[in-house]
Amino acid sequence: VIPLYSIALLAAEVRSKGFKVQILNLAIAKDPIRELDDFFTRNHARVIGITFTTPLYREVAWLVQALRSKFGDMVLLIGGGVHPTSLPEETLQEIDFDALLVGEADYSLPDFLGKERSEWSDIPGIVFREEGVTVRTESQGFITNLDELPFPAWDLFNQHIAENHPEFSTEWRYYNDGKSWLCKVTKKKKTICWVSVFPGKFKTGFYMTDKAKALIISSKLRKKY
């Protein structure tokens, strides 16, 4: 489901530590290559993180190769997600990442961004190569209290859509309990769909406009975020 909850959560955690974060969502791009070039023409990145599953393996391998050719060693390329977590050593051998963040990266990613390469071995939950040898640090472990995490950075998806897909717009609204939220997606003022997210669950509901009316009325939504 797009937008990805995990990316919004990671972005919020990194931003809360004082780092500047932007999201490039190539999954909805009509022309990913052009959008990638346009993005890096407008923005300078020190670290580029890519999350992916196994079906996207070949595309990510090509993408990392293209980024390495463009930036060389001036930019750190890091990977994460289901595939790198399942096969970190193999992924690092076959794709030219500088490092992989395996498992839950909500704490290890900000820690990684704040340290020099010589300190990487002190960071839990990462895999990298040092003088041709694969180094895997101790496991990060699971997050025991989800309430400690910051509110997901959904606004970064809105920013991405506004800059790269001006024909679409998004508007976040909130339920009266202040915990659950609902996103209205429009295209040239025509409502395309509603997406709702609920607290305490990794669950996203997708509602086309003809089925959303009852939900919207019963939710007693606040007018604005």
N, C-alpha and C. Protein backbone atom coordinates (compact mmCIF):
# COMPACT_ATOMS: atom_id res chain seq x y z
N VAL A 1 0.85 -1.18 0.00
CA VAL A 1 0.00 0.00 0.00
C VAL A 1 0.89 1.24 0.00
N ILE A 2 0.56 2.20 -0.81
CA ILE A 2 1.30 3.46 -0.89
C ILE A 2 0.39 4.58 -0.38
N PRO A 3 0.88 5.47 0.46
CA PRO A 3 2.27 5.61 0.91
C PRO A 3 2.65 4.58 1.97
N LEU A 4 3.94 4.24 2.01
CA LEU A 4 4.42 3.23 2.95
C LEU A 4 4.51 3.80 4.36
N TYR A 5 3.88 3.11 5.29
CA TYR A 5 3.93 3.51 6.70
C TYR A 5 5.36 3.47 7.22
N SER A 6 6.10 2.42 6.84
CA SER A 6 7.47 2.25 7.34
C SER A 6 8.37 3.41 6.93
N ILE A 7 8.23 3.88 5.70
CA ILE A 7 9.06 4.99 5.23
C ILE A 7 8.70 6.28 5.97
N ALA A 8 7.40 6.51 6.15
CA ALA A 8 6.97 7.71 6.87
C ALA A 8 7.47 7.71 8.31
N LEU A 9 7.51 6.53 8.92
CA LEU A 9 7.96 6.41 10.31
C LEU A 9 9.47 6.62 10.41
N LEU A 10 10.23 6.00 9.50
CA LEU A 10 11.68 6.19 9.49
C LEU A 10 12.05 7.66 9.25
N ALA A 11 11.36 8.27 8.31
CA ALA A 11 11.64 9.68 8.00
C ALA A 11 11.39 10.56 9.21
N ALA A 12 10.32 10.27 9.95
CA ALA A 12 10.00 11.07 11.14
C ALA A 12 11.07 10.91 12.21
N GLU A 13 11.54 9.69 12.41
CA GLU A 13 12.57 9.43 13.42
C GLU A 13 13.87 10.14 13.07
N VAL A 14 14.26 10.06 11.81
CA VAL A 14 15.50 10.72 11.36
C VAL A 14 15.37 12.23 11.47
N ARG A 15 14.22 12.75 11.08
CA ARG A 15 14.01 14.21 11.13
C ARG A 15 14.00 14.71 12.58
N SER A 16 13.49 13.89 13.50
CA SER A 16 13.45 14.30 14.90
C SER A 16 14.85 14.44 15.51
N LYS A 17 15.84 13.83 14.85
CA LYS A 17 17.23 13.93 15.32
C LYS A 17 17.99 15.06 14.65
N GLY A 18 17.29 15.88 13.87
CA GLY A 18 17.90 17.07 13.29
C GLY A 18 18.41 16.92 11.87
N PHE A 19 18.16 15.77 11.23
CA PHE A 19 18.61 15.58 9.85
C PHE A 19 17.52 16.02 8.87
N LYS A 20 17.94 16.53 7.72
CA LYS A 20 16.99 16.90 6.68
C LYS A 20 16.64 15.66 5.88
N VAL A 21 15.35 15.44 5.64
CA VAL A 21 14.89 14.22 4.98
C VAL A 21 13.98 14.57 3.81
N GLN A 22 14.13 13.84 2.71
CA GLN A 22 13.20 13.93 1.59
C GLN A 22 12.88 12.52 1.11
N ILE A 23 11.69 12.36 0.54
CA ILE A 23 11.25 11.06 0.06
C ILE A 23 11.06 11.12 -1.45
N LEU A 24 11.62 10.14 -2.14
CA LEU A 24 11.42 10.00 -3.58
C LEU A 24 10.70 8.69 -3.81
N ASN A 25 9.45 8.75 -4.20
CA ASN A 25 8.61 7.56 -4.34
C ASN A 25 8.53 7.14 -5.80
N LEU A 26 9.49 6.34 -6.25
CA LEU A 26 9.53 5.92 -7.65
C LEU A 26 8.44 4.91 -7.99
N ALA A 27 7.78 4.35 -6.97
CA ALA A 27 6.73 3.35 -7.22
C ALA A 27 5.54 3.95 -7.96
N ILE A 28 5.35 5.26 -7.86
CA ILE A 28 4.21 5.89 -8.53
C ILE A 28 4.66 6.76 -9.70
N ALA A 29 5.94 6.67 -10.06
CA ALA A 29 6.47 7.52 -11.13
C ALA A 29 6.15 6.94 -12.51
N LYS A 30 5.67 7.78 -13.42
CA LYS A 30 5.42 7.33 -14.78
C LYS A 30 6.74 7.09 -15.51
N ASP A 31 7.73 7.93 -15.23
CA ASP A 31 9.05 7.81 -15.84
C ASP A 31 10.09 7.88 -14.72
N PRO A 32 10.40 6.76 -14.07
CA PRO A 32 11.30 6.77 -12.91
C PRO A 32 12.68 7.36 -13.21
N ILE A 33 13.22 7.09 -14.39
CA ILE A 33 14.56 7.58 -14.73
C ILE A 33 14.57 9.10 -14.80
N ARG A 34 13.58 9.67 -15.49
CA ARG A 34 13.50 11.13 -15.59
C ARG A 34 13.27 11.76 -14.23
N GLU A 35 12.39 11.15 -13.43
CA GLU A 35 12.08 11.71 -12.11
C GLU A 35 13.31 11.64 -11.19
N LEU A 36 14.07 10.56 -11.31
CA LEU A 36 15.30 10.43 -10.52
C LEU A 36 16.30 11.51 -10.89
N ASP A 37 16.48 11.73 -12.17
CA ASP A 37 17.41 12.78 -12.62
C ASP A 37 16.94 14.16 -12.18
N ASP A 38 15.64 14.41 -12.31
CA ASP A 38 15.10 15.72 -11.91
C ASP A 38 15.29 15.95 -10.42
N PHE A 39 15.09 14.91 -9.63
CA PHE A 39 15.20 15.03 -8.17
C PHE A 39 16.61 15.43 -7.77
N PHE A 40 17.61 14.76 -8.33
CA PHE A 40 18.99 15.04 -7.93
C PHE A 40 19.55 16.28 -8.62
N THR A 41 18.86 16.78 -9.63
CA THR A 41 19.21 18.08 -10.19
C THR A 41 18.81 19.19 -9.22
N ARG A 42 17.69 18.99 -8.52
CA ARG A 42 17.18 20.00 -7.59
C ARG A 42 17.73 19.84 -6.18
N ASN A 43 18.19 18.66 -5.82
CA ASN A 43 18.56 18.38 -4.43
C ASN A 43 19.95 17.77 -4.32
N HIS A 44 20.61 18.09 -3.22
CA HIS A 44 21.90 17.48 -2.91
C HIS A 44 21.71 16.50 -1.76
N ALA A 45 22.22 15.28 -1.94
CA ALA A 45 22.06 14.25 -0.91
C ALA A 45 23.43 13.80 -0.40
N ARG A 46 23.53 13.60 0.89
CA ARG A 46 24.75 13.03 1.48
C ARG A 46 24.61 11.52 1.66
N VAL A 47 23.36 11.08 1.91
CA VAL A 47 23.07 9.66 2.08
C VAL A 47 21.79 9.35 1.29
N ILE A 48 21.79 8.26 0.55
CA ILE A 48 20.61 7.80 -0.17
C ILE A 48 20.25 6.41 0.33
N GLY A 49 19.04 6.27 0.86
CA GLY A 49 18.58 4.99 1.38
C GLY A 49 17.52 4.39 0.47
N ILE A 50 17.59 3.10 0.23
CA ILE A 50 16.65 2.41 -0.66
C ILE A 50 16.07 1.21 0.07
N THR A 51 14.76 1.13 0.17
CA THR A 51 14.10 -0.04 0.75
C THR A 51 13.48 -0.86 -0.37
N PHE A 52 13.58 -2.19 -0.27
CA PHE A 52 13.04 -3.00 -1.36
C PHE A 52 12.77 -4.43 -0.92
N THR A 53 11.89 -5.07 -1.70
CA THR A 53 11.58 -6.48 -1.52
C THR A 53 12.25 -7.27 -2.64
N THR A 54 12.18 -8.58 -2.59
CA THR A 54 12.88 -9.42 -3.56
C THR A 54 12.44 -9.20 -5.01
N PRO A 55 11.14 -9.01 -5.31
CA PRO A 55 10.76 -8.78 -6.70
C PRO A 55 11.42 -7.54 -7.33
N LEU A 56 11.88 -6.61 -6.51
CA LEU A 56 12.51 -5.39 -7.02
C LEU A 56 14.03 -5.49 -7.05
N TYR A 57 14.56 -6.67 -6.82
CA TYR A 57 16.01 -6.84 -6.67
C TYR A 57 16.78 -6.34 -7.90
N ARG A 58 16.37 -6.76 -9.09
CA ARG A 58 17.10 -6.37 -10.31
C ARG A 58 17.02 -4.86 -10.54
N GLU A 59 15.86 -4.28 -10.31
CA GLU A 59 15.71 -2.84 -10.48
C GLU A 59 16.61 -2.07 -9.52
N VAL A 60 16.69 -2.54 -8.28
CA VAL A 60 17.53 -1.88 -7.28
C VAL A 60 19.00 -2.03 -7.64
N ALA A 61 19.40 -3.20 -8.13
CA ALA A 61 20.79 -3.39 -8.55
C ALA A 61 21.15 -2.39 -9.64
N TRP A 62 20.27 -2.21 -10.60
CA TRP A 62 20.51 -1.23 -11.66
C TRP A 62 20.55 0.19 -11.09
N LEU A 63 19.62 0.49 -10.19
CA LEU A 63 19.54 1.83 -9.61
C LEU A 63 20.80 2.18 -8.84
N VAL A 64 21.29 1.26 -8.03
CA VAL A 64 22.50 1.50 -7.24
C VAL A 64 23.70 1.70 -8.16
N GLN A 65 23.77 0.91 -9.22
CA GLN A 65 24.86 1.06 -10.18
C GLN A 65 24.82 2.44 -10.83
N ALA A 66 23.62 2.89 -11.18
CA ALA A 66 23.48 4.21 -11.80
C ALA A 66 23.85 5.33 -10.83
N LEU A 67 23.43 5.19 -9.58
CA LEU A 67 23.77 6.20 -8.57
C LEU A 67 25.26 6.22 -8.28
N ARG A 68 25.88 5.04 -8.25
CA ARG A 68 27.32 4.96 -8.00
C ARG A 68 28.09 5.60 -9.15
N SER A 69 27.62 5.38 -10.37
CA SER A 69 28.27 5.99 -11.53
C SER A 69 28.15 7.51 -11.50
N LYS A 70 27.01 7.99 -11.00
CA LYS A 70 26.75 9.43 -10.97
C LYS A 70 27.50 10.13 -9.84
N PHE A 71 27.52 9.51 -8.65
CA PHE A 71 28.06 10.18 -7.46
C PHE A 71 29.39 9.62 -6.97
N GLY A 72 29.76 8.41 -7.41
CA GLY A 72 30.98 7.80 -6.89
C GLY A 72 30.88 7.58 -5.39
N ASP A 73 31.95 7.94 -4.67
CA ASP A 73 31.97 7.77 -3.22
C ASP A 73 31.55 9.03 -2.47
N MET A 74 31.05 10.02 -3.20
CA MET A 74 30.64 11.27 -2.55
C MET A 74 29.34 11.12 -1.77
N VAL A 75 28.57 10.07 -2.09
CA VAL A 75 27.29 9.81 -1.43
C VAL A 75 27.29 8.40 -0.87
N LEU A 76 26.80 8.24 0.35
CA LEU A 76 26.65 6.91 0.94
C LEU A 76 25.35 6.28 0.44
N LEU A 77 25.43 5.05 -0.04
CA LEU A 77 24.26 4.32 -0.51
C LEU A 77 23.96 3.21 0.49
N ILE A 78 22.78 3.25 1.10
CA ILE A 78 22.42 2.25 2.10
C ILE A 78 21.11 1.57 1.70
N GLY A 79 20.99 0.31 2.06
CA GLY A 79 19.80 -0.46 1.73
C GLY A 79 19.12 -1.01 2.96
N GLY A 80 17.83 -1.29 2.80
CA GLY A 80 17.06 -1.86 3.89
C GLY A 80 15.79 -2.47 3.37
N GLY A 81 14.99 -3.05 4.26
CA GLY A 81 13.75 -3.67 3.84
C GLY A 81 13.81 -5.18 3.96
N VAL A 82 12.81 -5.83 3.41
CA VAL A 82 12.65 -7.27 3.59
C VAL A 82 13.80 -8.06 2.97
N HIS A 83 14.17 -7.75 1.74
CA HIS A 83 15.21 -8.54 1.09
C HIS A 83 16.58 -8.40 1.76
N PRO A 84 17.08 -7.19 1.98
CA PRO A 84 18.38 -7.07 2.67
C PRO A 84 18.38 -7.68 4.06
N THR A 85 17.25 -7.60 4.76
CA THR A 85 17.17 -8.19 6.09
C THR A 85 17.25 -9.71 6.03
N SER A 86 16.66 -10.30 4.99
CA SER A 86 16.66 -11.76 4.86
C SER A 86 17.99 -12.29 4.33
N LEU A 87 18.61 -11.55 3.40
CA LEU A 87 19.85 -12.01 2.76
C LEU A 87 20.87 -10.87 2.73
N PRO A 88 21.33 -10.43 3.88
CA PRO A 88 22.23 -9.26 3.91
C PRO A 88 23.59 -9.51 3.27
N GLU A 89 24.24 -10.65 3.57
CA GLU A 89 25.57 -10.91 3.01
C GLU A 89 25.50 -11.02 1.49
N GLU A 90 24.51 -11.77 0.98
CA GLU A 90 24.37 -11.94 -0.46
C GLU A 90 24.07 -10.61 -1.14
N THR A 91 23.21 -9.81 -0.52
CA THR A 91 22.86 -8.52 -1.11
C THR A 91 24.09 -7.61 -1.19
N LEU A 92 24.88 -7.59 -0.14
CA LEU A 92 26.06 -6.73 -0.11
C LEU A 92 27.12 -7.19 -1.10
N GLN A 93 27.19 -8.49 -1.36
CA GLN A 93 28.15 -9.01 -2.34
C GLN A 93 27.76 -8.67 -3.76
N GLU A 94 26.46 -8.60 -4.03
CA GLU A 94 25.98 -8.44 -5.40
C GLU A 94 25.59 -7.02 -5.76
N ILE A 95 25.29 -6.18 -4.77
CA ILE A 95 24.89 -4.79 -5.04
C ILE A 95 25.84 -3.87 -4.29
N ASP A 96 26.25 -2.80 -4.93
CA ASP A 96 27.30 -1.93 -4.40
C ASP A 96 26.79 -0.93 -3.36
N PHE A 97 26.14 -1.45 -2.32
CA PHE A 97 25.76 -0.60 -1.19
C PHE A 97 26.98 -0.38 -0.28
N ASP A 98 26.98 0.76 0.40
CA ASP A 98 28.01 0.98 1.41
C ASP A 98 27.67 0.22 2.69
N ALA A 99 26.38 0.11 2.98
CA ALA A 99 25.96 -0.60 4.19
C ALA A 99 24.49 -0.99 4.05
N LEU A 100 24.09 -1.98 4.82
CA LEU A 100 22.70 -2.42 4.90
C LEU A 100 22.22 -2.29 6.33
N LEU A 101 20.99 -1.82 6.51
CA LEU A 101 20.37 -1.78 7.83
C LEU A 101 19.34 -2.89 7.87
N VAL A 102 19.55 -3.86 8.75
CA VAL A 102 18.69 -5.04 8.78
C VAL A 102 17.76 -4.98 9.99
N GLY A 103 16.56 -5.54 9.81
CA GLY A 103 15.58 -5.52 10.89
C GLY A 103 14.99 -4.14 11.09
N GLU A 104 14.59 -3.84 12.32
CA GLU A 104 14.01 -2.55 12.66
C GLU A 104 15.10 -1.47 12.65
N ALA A 105 14.94 -0.46 11.78
CA ALA A 105 15.99 0.55 11.62
C ALA A 105 15.61 1.90 12.22
N ASP A 106 14.54 1.94 13.01
CA ASP A 106 14.07 3.22 13.55
C ASP A 106 15.11 3.89 14.44
N TYR A 107 15.90 3.10 15.14
CA TYR A 107 16.95 3.66 15.99
C TYR A 107 18.32 3.59 15.32
N SER A 108 18.57 2.52 14.58
CA SER A 108 19.90 2.36 13.97
C SER A 108 20.15 3.35 12.84
N LEU A 109 19.11 3.75 12.11
CA LEU A 109 19.33 4.70 11.00
C LEU A 109 19.79 6.07 11.49
N PRO A 110 19.12 6.70 12.46
CA PRO A 110 19.64 7.98 12.97
C PRO A 110 21.04 7.84 13.57
N ASP A 111 21.28 6.71 14.24
CA ASP A 111 22.60 6.46 14.82
C ASP A 111 23.64 6.37 13.72
N PHE A 112 23.31 5.67 12.65
CA PHE A 112 24.21 5.51 11.50
C PHE A 112 24.55 6.87 10.88
N LEU A 113 23.55 7.71 10.71
CA LEU A 113 23.76 9.01 10.07
C LEU A 113 24.64 9.93 10.91
N GLY A 114 24.67 9.69 12.22
CA GLY A 114 25.44 10.57 13.10
C GLY A 114 26.85 10.09 13.39
N LYS A 115 27.27 8.99 12.76
CA LYS A 115 28.59 8.44 13.05
C LYS A 115 29.49 8.39 11.82
N GLU A 116 30.80 8.39 12.07
CA GLU A 116 31.78 8.22 11.01
C GLU A 116 31.91 6.73 10.67
N ARG A 117 32.48 6.45 9.51
CA ARG A 117 32.62 5.06 9.08
C ARG A 117 33.40 4.22 10.10
N SER A 118 34.39 4.83 10.73
CA SER A 118 35.20 4.10 11.71
C SER A 118 34.39 3.67 12.93
N GLU A 119 33.18 4.23 13.09
CA GLU A 119 32.33 3.92 14.24
C GLU A 119 31.18 2.99 13.89
N TRP A 120 31.09 2.55 12.64
CA TRP A 120 29.96 1.74 12.21
C TRP A 120 29.84 0.44 13.01
N SER A 121 30.95 -0.14 13.41
CA SER A 121 30.91 -1.42 14.12
C SER A 121 30.23 -1.31 15.48
N ASP A 122 30.04 -0.08 15.96
CA ASP A 122 29.36 0.13 17.25
C ASP A 122 27.85 0.24 17.11
N ILE A 123 27.35 0.24 15.88
CA ILE A 123 25.92 0.44 15.64
C ILE A 123 25.22 -0.92 15.49
N PRO A 124 24.23 -1.23 16.30
CA PRO A 124 23.51 -2.50 16.15
C PRO A 124 22.69 -2.54 14.86
N GLY A 125 22.60 -3.72 14.27
CA GLY A 125 21.68 -3.92 13.15
C GLY A 125 22.17 -3.46 11.80
N ILE A 126 23.50 -3.42 11.56
CA ILE A 126 23.97 -3.05 10.23
C ILE A 126 24.98 -4.08 9.72
N VAL A 127 25.10 -4.14 8.39
CA VAL A 127 26.06 -5.00 7.72
C VAL A 127 26.83 -4.16 6.72
N PHE A 128 28.15 -4.27 6.71
CA PHE A 128 28.98 -3.51 5.78
C PHE A 128 30.26 -4.28 5.50
N ARG A 129 31.04 -3.80 4.54
CA ARG A 129 32.30 -4.45 4.19
C ARG A 129 33.47 -3.58 4.63
N GLU A 130 34.45 -4.23 5.24
CA GLU A 130 35.63 -3.53 5.73
C GLU A 130 36.85 -4.28 5.23
N GLU A 131 37.58 -3.65 4.29
CA GLU A 131 38.77 -4.26 3.70
C GLU A 131 38.47 -5.65 3.12
N GLY A 132 37.34 -5.72 2.41
CA GLY A 132 36.95 -6.95 1.73
C GLY A 132 36.26 -7.98 2.61
N VAL A 133 36.11 -7.69 3.89
CA VAL A 133 35.47 -8.62 4.82
C VAL A 133 34.10 -8.10 5.21
N THR A 134 33.08 -8.98 5.19
CA THR A 134 31.74 -8.58 5.59
C THR A 134 31.64 -8.52 7.10
N VAL A 135 31.19 -7.39 7.61
CA VAL A 135 31.03 -7.19 9.05
C VAL A 135 29.55 -7.07 9.37
N ARG A 136 29.08 -7.88 10.31
CA ARG A 136 27.68 -7.81 10.74
C ARG A 136 27.65 -7.56 12.24
N THR A 137 27.05 -6.47 12.64
CA THR A 137 27.01 -6.11 14.06
C THR A 137 25.87 -6.86 14.76
N GLU A 138 25.79 -6.71 16.07
CA GLU A 138 24.74 -7.40 16.83
C GLU A 138 23.36 -6.93 16.40
N SER A 139 22.38 -7.76 16.61
CA SER A 139 21.01 -7.46 16.19
C SER A 139 20.46 -6.23 16.92
N GLN A 140 19.68 -5.45 16.18
CA GLN A 140 19.04 -4.29 16.77
C GLN A 140 17.92 -4.69 17.72
N GLY A 141 17.25 -5.79 17.42
CA GLY A 141 16.13 -6.22 18.26
C GLY A 141 14.84 -5.52 17.86
N PHE A 142 13.75 -5.93 18.48
CA PHE A 142 12.46 -5.34 18.15
C PHE A 142 12.20 -4.10 19.00
N ILE A 143 11.36 -3.22 18.49
CA ILE A 143 10.94 -2.04 19.24
C ILE A 143 9.87 -2.48 20.24
N THR A 144 10.10 -2.28 21.50
CA THR A 144 9.19 -2.77 22.53
C THR A 144 8.03 -1.83 22.81
N ASN A 145 8.22 -0.54 22.57
CA ASN A 145 7.18 0.43 22.84
C ASN A 145 6.98 1.33 21.63
N LEU A 146 5.99 1.01 20.81
CA LEU A 146 5.74 1.78 19.59
C LEU A 146 5.31 3.21 19.88
N ASP A 147 4.77 3.45 21.07
CA ASP A 147 4.33 4.80 21.41
C ASP A 147 5.49 5.78 21.56
N GLU A 148 6.71 5.26 21.67
CA GLU A 148 7.88 6.13 21.76
C GLU A 148 8.27 6.72 20.42
N LEU A 149 7.78 6.13 19.33
CA LEU A 149 8.14 6.59 18.00
C LEU A 149 7.38 7.88 17.66
N PRO A 150 7.98 8.74 16.87
CA PRO A 150 7.30 9.99 16.49
C PRO A 150 6.16 9.72 15.51
N PHE A 151 5.33 10.73 15.32
CA PHE A 151 4.24 10.62 14.36
C PHE A 151 4.82 10.50 12.95
N PRO A 152 4.31 9.59 12.13
CA PRO A 152 4.87 9.40 10.77
C PRO A 152 4.90 10.69 9.97
N ALA A 153 5.93 10.85 9.16
CA ALA A 153 6.12 12.09 8.37
C ALA A 153 5.34 12.01 7.06
N TRP A 154 4.02 11.94 7.17
CA TRP A 154 3.18 11.87 5.97
C TRP A 154 3.35 13.11 5.11
N ASP A 155 3.70 14.24 5.72
CA ASP A 155 3.82 15.48 4.96
C ASP A 155 4.89 15.39 3.87
N LEU A 156 5.90 14.51 4.05
CA LEU A 156 6.94 14.38 3.04
C LEU A 156 6.40 13.72 1.77
N PHE A 157 5.42 12.84 1.92
CA PHE A 157 4.77 12.28 0.74
C PHE A 157 3.97 13.37 0.01
N ASN A 158 3.30 14.21 0.79
CA ASN A 158 2.56 15.32 0.19
C ASN A 158 3.50 16.23 -0.58
N GLN A 159 4.67 16.49 -0.01
CA GLN A 159 5.66 17.34 -0.66
C GLN A 159 6.13 16.71 -1.97
N HIS A 160 6.38 15.42 -1.93
CA HIS A 160 6.83 14.71 -3.13
C HIS A 160 5.77 14.78 -4.23
N ILE A 161 4.52 14.54 -3.86
CA ILE A 161 3.44 14.59 -4.84
C ILE A 161 3.29 15.98 -5.42
N ALA A 162 3.37 17.00 -4.59
CA ALA A 162 3.23 18.38 -5.05
C ALA A 162 4.33 18.77 -6.03
N GLU A 163 5.55 18.28 -5.78
CA GLU A 163 6.68 18.65 -6.63
C GLU A 163 6.74 17.85 -7.92
N ASN A 164 6.34 16.58 -7.87
CA ASN A 164 6.52 15.70 -9.02
C ASN A 164 5.23 15.29 -9.72
N HIS A 165 4.10 15.43 -9.03
CA HIS A 165 2.82 15.06 -9.63
C HIS A 165 1.79 16.14 -9.30
N PRO A 166 1.95 17.33 -9.89
CA PRO A 166 1.07 18.46 -9.54
C PRO A 166 -0.40 18.23 -9.85
N GLU A 167 -0.69 17.23 -10.69
CA GLU A 167 -2.10 16.96 -11.00
C GLU A 167 -2.82 16.30 -9.83
N PHE A 168 -2.05 15.75 -8.86
CA PHE A 168 -2.65 15.14 -7.67
C PHE A 168 -2.48 16.06 -6.47
N SER A 169 -3.37 15.94 -5.52
CA SER A 169 -3.23 16.65 -4.25
C SER A 169 -3.74 15.76 -3.13
N THR A 170 -3.22 15.99 -1.94
CA THR A 170 -3.62 15.19 -0.78
C THR A 170 -4.01 16.11 0.37
N GLU A 171 -4.93 15.64 1.17
CA GLU A 171 -5.39 16.41 2.33
C GLU A 171 -5.63 15.45 3.48
N TRP A 172 -4.89 15.64 4.57
CA TRP A 172 -5.02 14.76 5.74
C TRP A 172 -6.05 15.32 6.72
N ARG A 173 -6.95 14.48 7.18
CA ARG A 173 -7.93 14.85 8.18
C ARG A 173 -7.86 13.83 9.32
N TYR A 174 -8.38 14.23 10.48
CA TYR A 174 -8.20 13.39 11.67
C TYR A 174 -9.52 13.06 12.34
N TYR A 175 -9.59 11.85 12.88
CA TYR A 175 -10.75 11.46 13.66
C TYR A 175 -10.76 12.23 14.98
N ASN A 176 -11.90 12.24 15.64
CA ASN A 176 -12.03 13.01 16.88
C ASN A 176 -11.10 12.53 17.99
N ASP A 177 -10.68 11.29 17.94
CA ASP A 177 -9.78 10.81 19.00
C ASP A 177 -8.36 11.32 18.81
N GLY A 178 -8.08 11.96 17.68
CA GLY A 178 -6.77 12.55 17.45
C GLY A 178 -5.69 11.54 17.16
N LYS A 179 -6.04 10.27 16.98
CA LYS A 179 -5.05 9.22 16.77
C LYS A 179 -5.12 8.64 15.36
N SER A 180 -6.31 8.39 14.88
CA SER A 180 -6.46 7.83 13.54
C SER A 180 -6.58 8.97 12.54
N TRP A 181 -6.24 8.70 11.31
CA TRP A 181 -6.30 9.77 10.33
C TRP A 181 -6.75 9.23 8.97
N LEU A 182 -7.17 10.14 8.13
CA LEU A 182 -7.74 9.82 6.84
C LEU A 182 -7.18 10.77 5.80
N CYS A 183 -6.76 10.24 4.67
CA CYS A 183 -6.18 11.05 3.61
C CYS A 183 -7.10 11.06 2.39
N LYS A 184 -7.40 12.24 1.92
CA LYS A 184 -8.21 12.40 0.72
C LYS A 184 -7.28 12.68 -0.46
N VAL A 185 -7.37 11.88 -1.50
CA VAL A 185 -6.53 12.05 -2.69
C VAL A 185 -7.40 12.54 -3.84
N THR A 186 -7.00 13.65 -4.44
CA THR A 186 -7.77 14.22 -5.54
C THR A 186 -6.89 14.42 -6.77
N LYS A 187 -7.52 14.42 -7.92
CA LYS A 187 -6.84 14.72 -9.18
C LYS A 187 -7.66 15.76 -9.91
N LYS A 188 -7.08 16.96 -9.99
CA LYS A 188 -7.78 18.10 -10.63
C LYS A 188 -9.17 18.28 -10.02
N LYS A 189 -9.20 18.31 -8.67
CA LYS A 189 -10.40 18.56 -7.87
C LYS A 189 -11.39 17.40 -7.85
N LYS A 190 -11.08 16.31 -8.54
CA LYS A 190 -11.94 15.13 -8.50
C LYS A 190 -11.37 14.14 -7.48
N THR A 191 -12.18 13.72 -6.51
CA THR A 191 -11.73 12.78 -5.50
C THR A 191 -11.47 11.41 -6.12
N ILE A 192 -10.24 10.91 -5.90
CA ILE A 192 -9.85 9.62 -6.44
C ILE A 192 -10.11 8.52 -5.42
N CYS A 193 -9.68 8.74 -4.17
CA CYS A 193 -9.85 7.73 -3.13
C CYS A 193 -9.60 8.35 -1.76
N TRP A 194 -9.93 7.59 -0.74
CA TRP A 194 -9.63 7.94 0.65
C TRP A 194 -8.77 6.81 1.22
N VAL A 195 -7.75 7.16 1.98
CA VAL A 195 -6.91 6.17 2.64
C VAL A 195 -6.96 6.44 4.14
N SER A 196 -7.29 5.42 4.94
CA SER A 196 -7.37 5.61 6.39
C SER A 196 -6.35 4.72 7.09
N VAL A 197 -5.82 5.22 8.20
CA VAL A 197 -4.83 4.50 9.00
C VAL A 197 -5.27 4.56 10.45
N PHE A 198 -5.14 3.45 11.18
CA PHE A 198 -5.67 3.35 12.53
C PHE A 198 -4.55 3.12 13.54
N PRO A 199 -4.72 3.60 14.79
CA PRO A 199 -3.67 3.45 15.80
C PRO A 199 -3.58 2.02 16.32
N GLY A 200 -2.36 1.65 16.73
CA GLY A 200 -2.17 0.34 17.32
C GLY A 200 -2.20 -0.81 16.33
N LYS A 201 -2.30 -0.50 15.03
CA LYS A 201 -2.37 -1.55 14.02
C LYS A 201 -1.56 -1.12 12.80
N PHE A 202 -0.87 -2.06 12.20
CA PHE A 202 -0.23 -1.79 10.92
C PHE A 202 -1.26 -2.09 9.85
N LYS A 203 -2.25 -1.24 9.76
CA LYS A 203 -3.38 -1.50 8.87
C LYS A 203 -3.74 -0.22 8.12
N THR A 204 -3.90 -0.36 6.83
CA THR A 204 -4.33 0.76 6.01
C THR A 204 -5.55 0.34 5.23
N GLY A 205 -6.58 1.16 5.24
CA GLY A 205 -7.78 0.89 4.46
C GLY A 205 -7.82 1.78 3.24
N PHE A 206 -8.19 1.21 2.09
CA PHE A 206 -8.25 1.97 0.84
C PHE A 206 -9.71 1.99 0.39
N TYR A 207 -10.27 3.17 0.22
CA TYR A 207 -11.69 3.30 -0.09
C TYR A 207 -11.89 4.11 -1.36
N MET A 208 -12.54 3.52 -2.35
CA MET A 208 -12.93 4.30 -3.52
C MET A 208 -14.10 5.19 -3.12
N THR A 209 -14.29 6.26 -3.86
CA THR A 209 -15.24 7.30 -3.46
C THR A 209 -16.67 6.78 -3.30
N ASP A 210 -17.08 5.81 -4.10
CA ASP A 210 -18.46 5.34 -4.01
C ASP A 210 -18.72 4.52 -2.75
N LYS A 211 -17.65 4.08 -2.05
CA LYS A 211 -17.82 3.30 -0.83
C LYS A 211 -17.39 4.06 0.42
N ALA A 212 -16.92 5.27 0.23
CA ALA A 212 -16.33 6.01 1.35
C ALA A 212 -17.32 6.94 2.06
N LYS A 213 -18.46 7.22 1.46
CA LYS A 213 -19.36 8.25 2.00
C LYS A 213 -19.80 7.92 3.42
N ALA A 214 -20.23 6.68 3.66
CA ALA A 214 -20.71 6.30 5.00
C ALA A 214 -19.58 6.39 6.01
N LEU A 215 -18.39 5.97 5.62
CA LEU A 215 -17.24 6.03 6.52
C LEU A 215 -16.94 7.47 6.91
N ILE A 216 -16.96 8.35 5.94
CA ILE A 216 -16.62 9.75 6.18
C ILE A 216 -17.64 10.41 7.10
N ILE A 217 -18.91 10.13 6.86
CA ILE A 217 -19.97 10.72 7.68
C ILE A 217 -19.90 10.21 9.12
N SER A 218 -19.71 8.91 9.29
CA SER A 218 -19.71 8.32 10.62
C SER A 218 -18.46 8.66 11.43
N SER A 219 -17.39 9.03 10.76
CA SER A 219 -16.13 9.27 11.47
C SER A 219 -16.11 10.60 12.21
N LYS A 220 -16.99 11.54 11.85
CA LYS A 220 -17.02 12.86 12.47
C LYS A 220 -15.63 13.50 12.45
N LEU A 221 -15.12 13.63 11.25
CA LEU A 221 -13.76 14.10 11.08
C LEU A 221 -13.58 15.56 11.50
N ARG A 222 -12.42 15.83 12.03
CA ARG A 222 -12.05 17.23 12.22
C ARG A 222 -11.86 17.85 10.83
N LYS A 223 -12.06 19.13 10.75
CA LYS A 223 -11.97 19.77 9.44
C LYS A 223 -10.57 19.72 8.85
N LYS A 224 -9.59 20.00 9.68
CA LYS A 224 -8.23 20.12 9.16
C LYS A 224 -7.23 19.54 10.14
N TYR A 225 -6.04 19.23 9.64
CA TYR A 225 -4.92 18.79 10.48
C TYR A 225 -4.44 19.97 11.30
